[in-house]
Amino acid sequence: MARANGAGLLAPLARRFYNARRVGSGEFTAFCRFLHAGGGGVQITVNGNVHEVAAGTSIAALLAELDLAPPQVAVEVNLELIPRGRHAEHRLEPGDRLEVVTLVGGG
């Protein structure tokens, strides 16, 4: 029996959807965003966790998505500290490894 055109493309997406649901809500949400972006997502790693973001996403946009306030965070991309003034212009690339550190005051 012949497959309908494109039927073979759905199996990997179905597996990814199933695995994302099992992993937890963060992975599931990232996968839904990936699908909503038309599959044009970029896979990055943030603090050791894999995330999917839309192609062309800046550090500033990622911080907003993660609900982090820029004055209280430091961001390192591929072992390079990115100055806060460059967060809006620095675009994330596939495979980027980010470390995001929040500053906490105490007394």
C-alpha atoms as a PDB file:
ATOM      1  CA  MET A   1       0.000   0.000   0.000  1.00  0.00           C
ATOM      2  CA  ALA A   2       1.434   3.397  -0.992  1.00  0.00           C
ATOM      3  CA  ARG A   3       1.831   6.190   1.551  1.00  0.00           C
ATOM      4  CA  ALA A   4       0.206   9.546   0.999  1.00  0.00           C
ATOM      5  CA  ASN A   5       2.627  12.361   0.195  1.00  0.00           C
ATOM      6  CA  GLY A   6       4.222  13.709   3.363  1.00  0.00           C
ATOM      7  CA  ALA A   7       2.999  10.891   5.596  1.00  0.00           C
ATOM      8  CA  GLY A   8       6.577   9.873   6.348  1.00  0.00           C
ATOM      9  CA  LEU A   9       7.300  13.367   7.641  1.00  0.00           C
ATOM     10  CA  LEU A  10       4.705  13.176  10.381  1.00  0.00           C
ATOM     11  CA  ALA A  11       6.231  10.253  12.274  1.00  0.00           C
ATOM     12  CA  PRO A  12       9.261  12.206  13.606  1.00  0.00           C
ATOM     13  CA  LEU A  13       6.990  15.075  14.662  1.00  0.00           C
ATOM     14  CA  ALA A  14       4.615  12.679  16.399  1.00  0.00           C
ATOM     15  CA  ARG A  15       7.524  11.055  18.261  1.00  0.00           C
ATOM     16  CA  ARG A  16       8.862  14.469  19.288  1.00  0.00           C
ATOM     17  CA  PHE A  17       5.401  15.544  20.480  1.00  0.00           C
ATOM     18  CA  TYR A  18       5.008  12.373  22.532  1.00  0.00           C
ATOM     19  CA  ASN A  19       8.491  12.702  24.072  1.00  0.00           C
ATOM     20  CA  ALA A  20       7.958  16.411  24.820  1.00  0.00           C
ATOM     21  CA  ARG A  21       4.745  15.600  26.695  1.00  0.00           C
ATOM     22  CA  ARG A  22       6.555  12.953  28.748  1.00  0.00           C
ATOM     23  CA  VAL A  23       9.547  15.150  29.603  1.00  0.00           C
ATOM     24  CA  GLY A  24       7.519  17.945  31.170  1.00  0.00           C
ATOM     25  CA  SER A  25       5.653  21.145  30.525  1.00  0.00           C
ATOM     26  CA  GLY A  26       8.754  23.181  29.651  1.00  0.00           C
ATOM     27  CA  GLU A  27       9.737  20.890  26.793  1.00  0.00           C
ATOM     28  CA  PHE A  28       6.115  20.595  25.683  1.00  0.00           C
ATOM     29  CA  THR A  29       5.729  24.396  25.616  1.00  0.00           C
ATOM     30  CA  ALA A  30       8.969  24.790  23.665  1.00  0.00           C
ATOM     31  CA  PHE A  31       7.817  22.199  21.148  1.00  0.00           C
ATOM     32  CA  CYS A  32       4.448  23.920  20.703  1.00  0.00           C
ATOM     33  CA  ARG A  33       6.280  27.203  20.073  1.00  0.00           C
ATOM     34  CA  PHE A  34       8.471  25.395  17.547  1.00  0.00           C
ATOM     35  CA  LEU A  35       5.416  24.109  15.675  1.00  0.00           C
ATOM     36  CA  HIS A  36       3.698  27.498  15.832  1.00  0.00           C
ATOM     37  CA  ALA A  37       6.788  29.075  14.241  1.00  0.00           C
ATOM     38  CA  GLY A  38       6.335  26.729  11.280  1.00  0.00           C
ATOM     39  CA  GLY A  39       9.135  24.426  12.343  1.00  0.00           C
ATOM     40  CA  GLY A  40      11.669  27.216  11.810  1.00  0.00           C
ATOM     41  CA  GLY A  41      12.958  26.896  15.332  1.00  0.00           C
ATOM     42  CA  VAL A  42      16.487  27.006  16.612  1.00  0.00           C
ATOM     43  CA  GLN A  43      17.640  24.523  19.233  1.00  0.00           C
ATOM     44  CA  ILE A  44      19.750  26.071  22.006  1.00  0.00           C
ATOM     45  CA  THR A  45      20.815  25.013  25.481  1.00  0.00           C
ATOM     46  CA  VAL A  46      20.051  27.289  28.436  1.00  0.00           C
ATOM     47  CA  ASN A  47      21.635  26.332  31.756  1.00  0.00           C
ATOM     48  CA  GLY A  48      21.911  22.728  30.583  1.00  0.00           C
ATOM     49  CA  ASN A  49      18.297  22.463  29.327  1.00  0.00           C
ATOM     50  CA  VAL A  50      17.441  22.215  25.647  1.00  0.00           C
ATOM     51  CA  HIS A  51      15.069  24.905  24.335  1.00  0.00           C
ATOM     52  CA  GLU A  52      13.535  25.639  20.943  1.00  0.00           C
ATOM     53  CA  VAL A  53      13.241  29.301  20.004  1.00  0.00           C
ATOM     54  CA  ALA A  54      12.182  30.989  16.786  1.00  0.00           C
ATOM     55  CA  ALA A  55      14.928  31.699  14.274  1.00  0.00           C
ATOM     56  CA  GLY A  56      16.334  35.192  14.792  1.00  0.00           C
ATOM     57  CA  THR A  57      15.515  35.307  18.501  1.00  0.00           C
ATOM     58  CA  SER A  58      17.685  37.753  20.431  1.00  0.00           C
ATOM     59  CA  ILE A  59      18.985  37.328  23.955  1.00  0.00           C
ATOM     60  CA  ALA A  60      16.621  40.125  25.063  1.00  0.00           C
ATOM     61  CA  ALA A  61      13.629  38.277  23.571  1.00  0.00           C
ATOM     62  CA  LEU A  62      14.696  35.031  25.248  1.00  0.00           C
ATOM     63  CA  LEU A  63      15.013  36.770  28.622  1.00  0.00           C
ATOM     64  CA  ALA A  64      11.520  38.254  28.186  1.00  0.00           C
ATOM     65  CA  GLU A  65      10.168  34.803  27.274  1.00  0.00           C
ATOM     66  CA  LEU A  66      11.789  33.347  30.399  1.00  0.00           C
ATOM     67  CA  ASP A  67      10.338  36.247  32.448  1.00  0.00           C
ATOM     68  CA  LEU A  68      13.774  37.415  33.593  1.00  0.00           C
ATOM     69  CA  ALA A  69      14.526  41.103  34.207  1.00  0.00           C
ATOM     70  CA  PRO A  70      17.653  42.217  32.291  1.00  0.00           C
ATOM     71  CA  PRO A  71      19.150  44.328  35.135  1.00  0.00           C
ATOM     72  CA  GLN A  72      19.357  41.223  37.336  1.00  0.00           C
ATOM     73  CA  VAL A  73      20.909  38.772  34.870  1.00  0.00           C
ATOM     74  CA  ALA A  74      24.242  38.027  33.266  1.00  0.00           C
ATOM     75  CA  VAL A  75      24.283  36.012  30.029  1.00  0.00           C
ATOM     76  CA  GLU A  76      27.129  33.971  28.621  1.00  0.00           C
ATOM     77  CA  VAL A  77      26.872  32.505  25.101  1.00  0.00           C
ATOM     78  CA  ASN A  78      29.362  29.804  24.172  1.00  0.00           C
ATOM     79  CA  LEU A  79      31.654  30.809  27.056  1.00  0.00           C
ATOM     80  CA  GLU A  80      31.593  34.517  26.063  1.00  0.00           C
ATOM     81  CA  LEU A  81      29.957  37.057  28.380  1.00  0.00           C
ATOM     82  CA  ILE A  82      27.554  39.193  26.331  1.00  0.00           C
ATOM     83  CA  PRO A  83      27.281  42.778  27.655  1.00  0.00           C
ATOM     84  CA  ARG A  84      23.746  43.836  28.588  1.00  0.00           C
ATOM     85  CA  GLY A  85      23.865  46.556  25.918  1.00  0.00           C
ATOM     86  CA  ARG A  86      24.204  43.884  23.205  1.00  0.00           C
ATOM     87  CA  HIS A  87      21.346  41.617  24.369  1.00  0.00           C
ATOM     88  CA  ALA A  88      18.850  43.134  21.889  1.00  0.00           C
ATOM     89  CA  GLU A  89      21.181  42.775  18.899  1.00  0.00           C
ATOM     90  CA  HIS A  90      22.766  39.381  19.643  1.00  0.00           C
ATOM     91  CA  ARG A  91      20.840  36.717  17.680  1.00  0.00           C
ATOM     92  CA  LEU A  92      20.874  33.127  18.882  1.00  0.00           C
ATOM     93  CA  GLU A  93      22.266  30.503  16.533  1.00  0.00           C
ATOM     94  CA  PRO A  94      21.529  26.756  16.375  1.00  0.00           C
ATOM     95  CA  GLY A  95      23.561  24.912  18.993  1.00  0.00           C
ATOM     96  CA  ASP A  96      24.340  27.982  21.133  1.00  0.00           C
ATOM     97  CA  ARG A  97      25.009  27.147  24.776  1.00  0.00           C
ATOM     98  CA  LEU A  98      23.822  29.833  27.172  1.00  0.00           C
ATOM     99  CA  GLU A  99      24.396  30.261  30.860  1.00  0.00           C
ATOM    100  CA  VAL A 100      21.970  32.705  32.442  1.00  0.00           C
ATOM    101  CA  VAL A 101      22.732  33.789  35.991  1.00  0.00           C
ATOM    102  CA  THR A 102      20.361  35.867  38.070  1.00  0.00           C
ATOM    103  CA  LEU A 103      21.687  38.217  40.708  1.00  0.00           C
ATOM    104  CA  VAL A 104      20.088  38.024  44.127  1.00  0.00           C
ATOM    105  CA  GLY A 105      20.576  40.626  46.816  1.00  0.00           C
ATOM    106  CA  GLY A 106      20.656  39.731  50.458  1.00  0.00           C
ATOM    107  CA  GLY A 107      21.219  41.258  53.765  1.00  0.00           C
END
